Amino acid sequence: MATAQQPLTITISETAAKHVGAFMTAEGKAAGVLRVAVKGGGCSGLTYVLDFVDEGRETDKIIVQNGITLAKI
């Protein structure tokens, strides 16, 4: 049984990918993953969490775009 592919919910522009890659290299995680989460809280009602990790978790949605691997929680 084939599963339907979920639409891409986050895009990473080429320019953003270059900046993220530079930040990851500076943090010693050049081959790592950018984990992204949105949590309730903050003045607007939402707080964004960004973290460089070695690999995503099994429950993360993995997106690879413009040379960056992103794990969406």
Protein backbone atom coordinates (compact mmCIF):
# COMPACT_ATOMS: atom_id res chain seq x y z
CA MET A 1 0.00 0.00 0.00
CA ALA A 2 1.46 3.35 -1.02
CA THR A 3 1.36 6.21 1.42
CA ALA A 4 0.51 9.70 0.28
CA GLN A 5 3.36 12.15 0.62
CA GLN A 6 2.57 14.99 3.01
CA PRO A 7 3.06 18.49 1.59
CA LEU A 8 6.26 20.31 2.43
CA THR A 9 5.40 22.68 5.25
CA ILE A 10 8.74 24.44 5.62
CA THR A 11 10.94 25.76 2.85
CA ILE A 12 14.59 26.75 3.10
CA SER A 13 15.78 29.28 0.53
CA GLU A 14 19.27 28.99 -0.93
CA THR A 15 20.32 32.11 0.98
CA ALA A 16 18.92 30.81 4.27
CA ALA A 17 20.59 27.44 3.66
CA LYS A 18 23.98 29.15 3.26
CA HIS A 19 23.52 31.02 6.55
CA VAL A 20 22.30 27.92 8.41
CA GLY A 21 25.24 25.94 7.01
CA ALA A 22 27.67 28.60 8.23
CA PHE A 23 26.09 28.63 11.71
CA MET A 24 26.18 24.82 11.87
CA THR A 25 29.84 24.74 10.84
CA ALA A 26 30.67 27.35 13.49
CA GLU A 27 28.92 25.17 16.10
CA GLY A 28 30.83 22.05 15.00
CA LYS A 29 27.70 20.44 13.54
CA ALA A 30 28.42 20.80 9.81
CA ALA A 31 26.95 17.35 9.09
CA GLY A 32 24.13 17.79 11.60
CA VAL A 33 20.43 18.54 11.53
CA LEU A 34 18.52 21.73 12.29
CA ARG A 35 15.61 20.80 14.60
CA VAL A 36 12.66 23.18 14.50
CA ALA A 37 9.68 23.31 16.87
CA VAL A 38 6.82 25.69 17.54
CA LYS A 39 5.55 25.83 21.12
CA GLY A 40 2.84 27.81 22.83
CA GLY A 41 4.00 30.81 24.82
CA GLY A 42 5.57 34.20 24.32
CA CYS A 43 3.90 37.53 23.55
CA SER A 44 2.44 36.37 20.22
CA GLY A 45 1.30 33.06 21.66
CA LEU A 46 4.04 31.07 19.89
CA THR A 47 7.69 30.39 20.61
CA TYR A 48 10.02 29.01 17.95
CA VAL A 49 12.76 26.61 19.01
CA LEU A 50 15.81 26.04 16.78
CA ASP A 51 18.61 23.65 17.70
CA PHE A 52 21.56 22.04 15.93
CA VAL A 53 21.74 18.29 16.66
CA ASP A 54 23.69 15.33 15.31
CA GLU A 55 20.57 13.59 14.00
CA GLY A 56 16.80 13.85 14.05
CA ARG A 57 14.57 11.67 16.19
CA GLU A 58 12.45 8.83 14.86
CA THR A 59 9.28 10.89 15.34
CA ASP A 60 10.58 14.00 13.51
CA LYS A 61 9.45 14.93 10.02
CA ILE A 62 12.70 15.16 8.01
CA ILE A 63 13.01 17.74 5.25
CA VAL A 64 16.12 18.04 3.09
CA GLN A 65 16.33 21.17 1.00
CA ASN A 66 19.21 23.17 -0.48
CA GLY A 67 21.76 21.00 1.32
CA ILE A 68 20.23 21.45 4.80
CA THR A 69 18.57 18.65 6.76
CA LEU A 70 15.78 19.96 8.92
CA ALA A 71 13.89 17.93 11.52
CA LYS A 72 10.43 19.30 12.23
CA ILE A 73 9.13 18.26 15.62
